[in-house]
Every structure is written in structure tokens, then in C-alpha cells.
Amino acid sequence: MLPRNAIYFTLPAAGREPAIGGQAKPDSRSNPLRNILGLIDDAVCLLLVVLAFPLVILLIGTPVALLVRLLIELGQRF
């Protein structure tokens, strides 16, 4: 037996759209606090991505730049 809040699909009859049973999630417009928390969550994630992107460039780019500099120095000496 399915739980009470389960969403399940039934096979459609010929030429009909599938029926959706169960309870759907409530509309986010009905709860403004949930909407605001979602916006705050999105803003924090965006801030983390914006701050992490230069850090990743530095972590990857610094060893590459040092290796290229080492190769150039070795090439000039020999």
C-alpha cells in the first residue's frame, strides 16, 4: 500500500493523458517565508560560487605558472 502523501502515476488509457494521484507540494506563493528563505539560499550559493571561482583559478594557475617559469629558467640556462 502506498503512503498517504505518495505521488504516483497510472498508465493512461488510449488517447488520454496520464493521471497523477496523491498530494502535490503546496504552492510556494502561499508561504512567503519559504520564498524568502529560498532567495537567501540562492544568494548565499551564488556568493560562494563567486568567491570560490577565483580561488580555484589561483590553486590551479599558481603551480602551472611556477612550472612554466621553471621551464623557462632552465631553457635560458642551457
Protein backbone atom coordinates (compact mmCIF):
# COMPACT_ATOMS: atom_id res chain seq x y z
CA MET A 1 0.00 0.00 0.00
CA LEU A 2 1.28 3.47 -0.87
CA PRO A 3 1.81 6.10 1.81
CA ARG A 4 -0.80 8.76 2.06
CA ASN A 5 1.39 11.56 0.65
CA ALA A 6 2.85 9.49 -2.21
CA ILE A 7 2.66 10.75 -5.76
CA TYR A 8 2.19 8.01 -8.30
CA PHE A 9 1.39 7.75 -11.99
CA THR A 10 -1.21 5.49 -13.53
CA LEU A 11 -1.00 4.15 -17.04
CA PRO A 12 -3.11 6.21 -19.39
CA ALA A 13 -5.95 4.77 -21.38
CA ALA A 14 -5.67 5.06 -25.14
CA GLY A 15 -5.60 8.73 -26.16
CA ARG A 16 -5.69 10.12 -22.62
CA GLU A 17 -3.14 11.95 -20.51
CA PRO A 18 -1.66 10.08 -17.52
CA ALA A 19 -3.43 10.72 -14.24
CA ILE A 20 -1.41 11.91 -11.27
CA GLY A 21 -2.59 10.69 -7.88
CA GLY A 22 -1.62 11.70 -4.40
CA GLN A 23 -0.96 15.10 -2.97
CA ALA A 24 1.10 17.71 -4.77
CA LYS A 25 3.51 20.04 -2.99
CA PRO A 26 1.97 23.27 -1.79
CA ASP A 27 2.48 26.33 -3.95
CA SER A 28 5.46 28.43 -2.83
CA ARG A 29 3.38 31.59 -3.24
CA SER A 30 1.22 30.52 -0.31
CA ASN A 31 4.18 30.74 2.09
CA PRO A 32 6.19 33.97 1.70
CA LEU A 33 8.73 32.93 4.38
CA ARG A 34 9.64 29.84 2.36
CA ASN A 35 10.03 32.04 -0.71
CA ILE A 36 12.34 34.47 1.12
CA LEU A 37 14.42 31.63 2.56
CA GLY A 38 14.78 30.20 -0.93
CA LEU A 39 16.03 33.54 -2.23
CA ILE A 40 18.51 33.83 0.65
CA ASP A 41 19.73 30.29 -0.03
CA ASP A 42 20.21 31.12 -3.71
CA ALA A 43 22.09 34.33 -2.84
CA VAL A 44 24.44 32.51 -0.44
CA CYS A 45 25.16 29.80 -3.03
CA LEU A 46 25.86 32.45 -5.66
CA LEU A 47 28.21 34.27 -3.29
CA LEU A 48 30.09 31.05 -2.55
CA VAL A 49 30.48 30.32 -6.26
CA VAL A 50 31.66 33.88 -6.95
CA LEU A 51 34.25 33.65 -4.16
CA ALA A 52 35.33 30.09 -4.93
CA PHE A 53 35.91 30.66 -8.66
CA PRO A 54 38.99 32.94 -8.22
CA LEU A 55 40.30 30.63 -5.51
CA VAL A 56 40.15 27.65 -7.87
CA ILE A 57 41.92 29.68 -10.56
CA LEU A 58 44.68 30.54 -8.09
CA LEU A 59 45.02 26.97 -6.84
CA ILE A 60 45.30 25.58 -10.35
CA GLY A 61 47.08 28.51 -12.00
CA THR A 62 49.85 29.05 -9.46
CA PRO A 63 51.53 25.64 -9.83
CA VAL A 64 51.19 25.85 -13.61
CA ALA A 65 52.73 29.33 -13.69
CA LEU A 66 55.58 28.21 -11.42
CA LEU A 67 56.24 25.18 -13.60
CA VAL A 68 56.30 27.30 -16.76
CA ARG A 69 58.65 29.78 -15.08
CA LEU A 70 60.93 26.91 -14.02
CA LEU A 71 60.99 25.55 -17.57
CA ILE A 72 61.79 29.00 -18.99
CA GLU A 73 64.63 29.46 -16.46
CA LEU A 74 66.03 26.02 -17.29
CA GLY A 75 65.74 26.76 -21.01
CA GLN A 76 67.67 30.03 -20.65
CA ARG A 77 70.49 28.41 -18.65
CA PHE A 78 71.13 25.53 -21.04
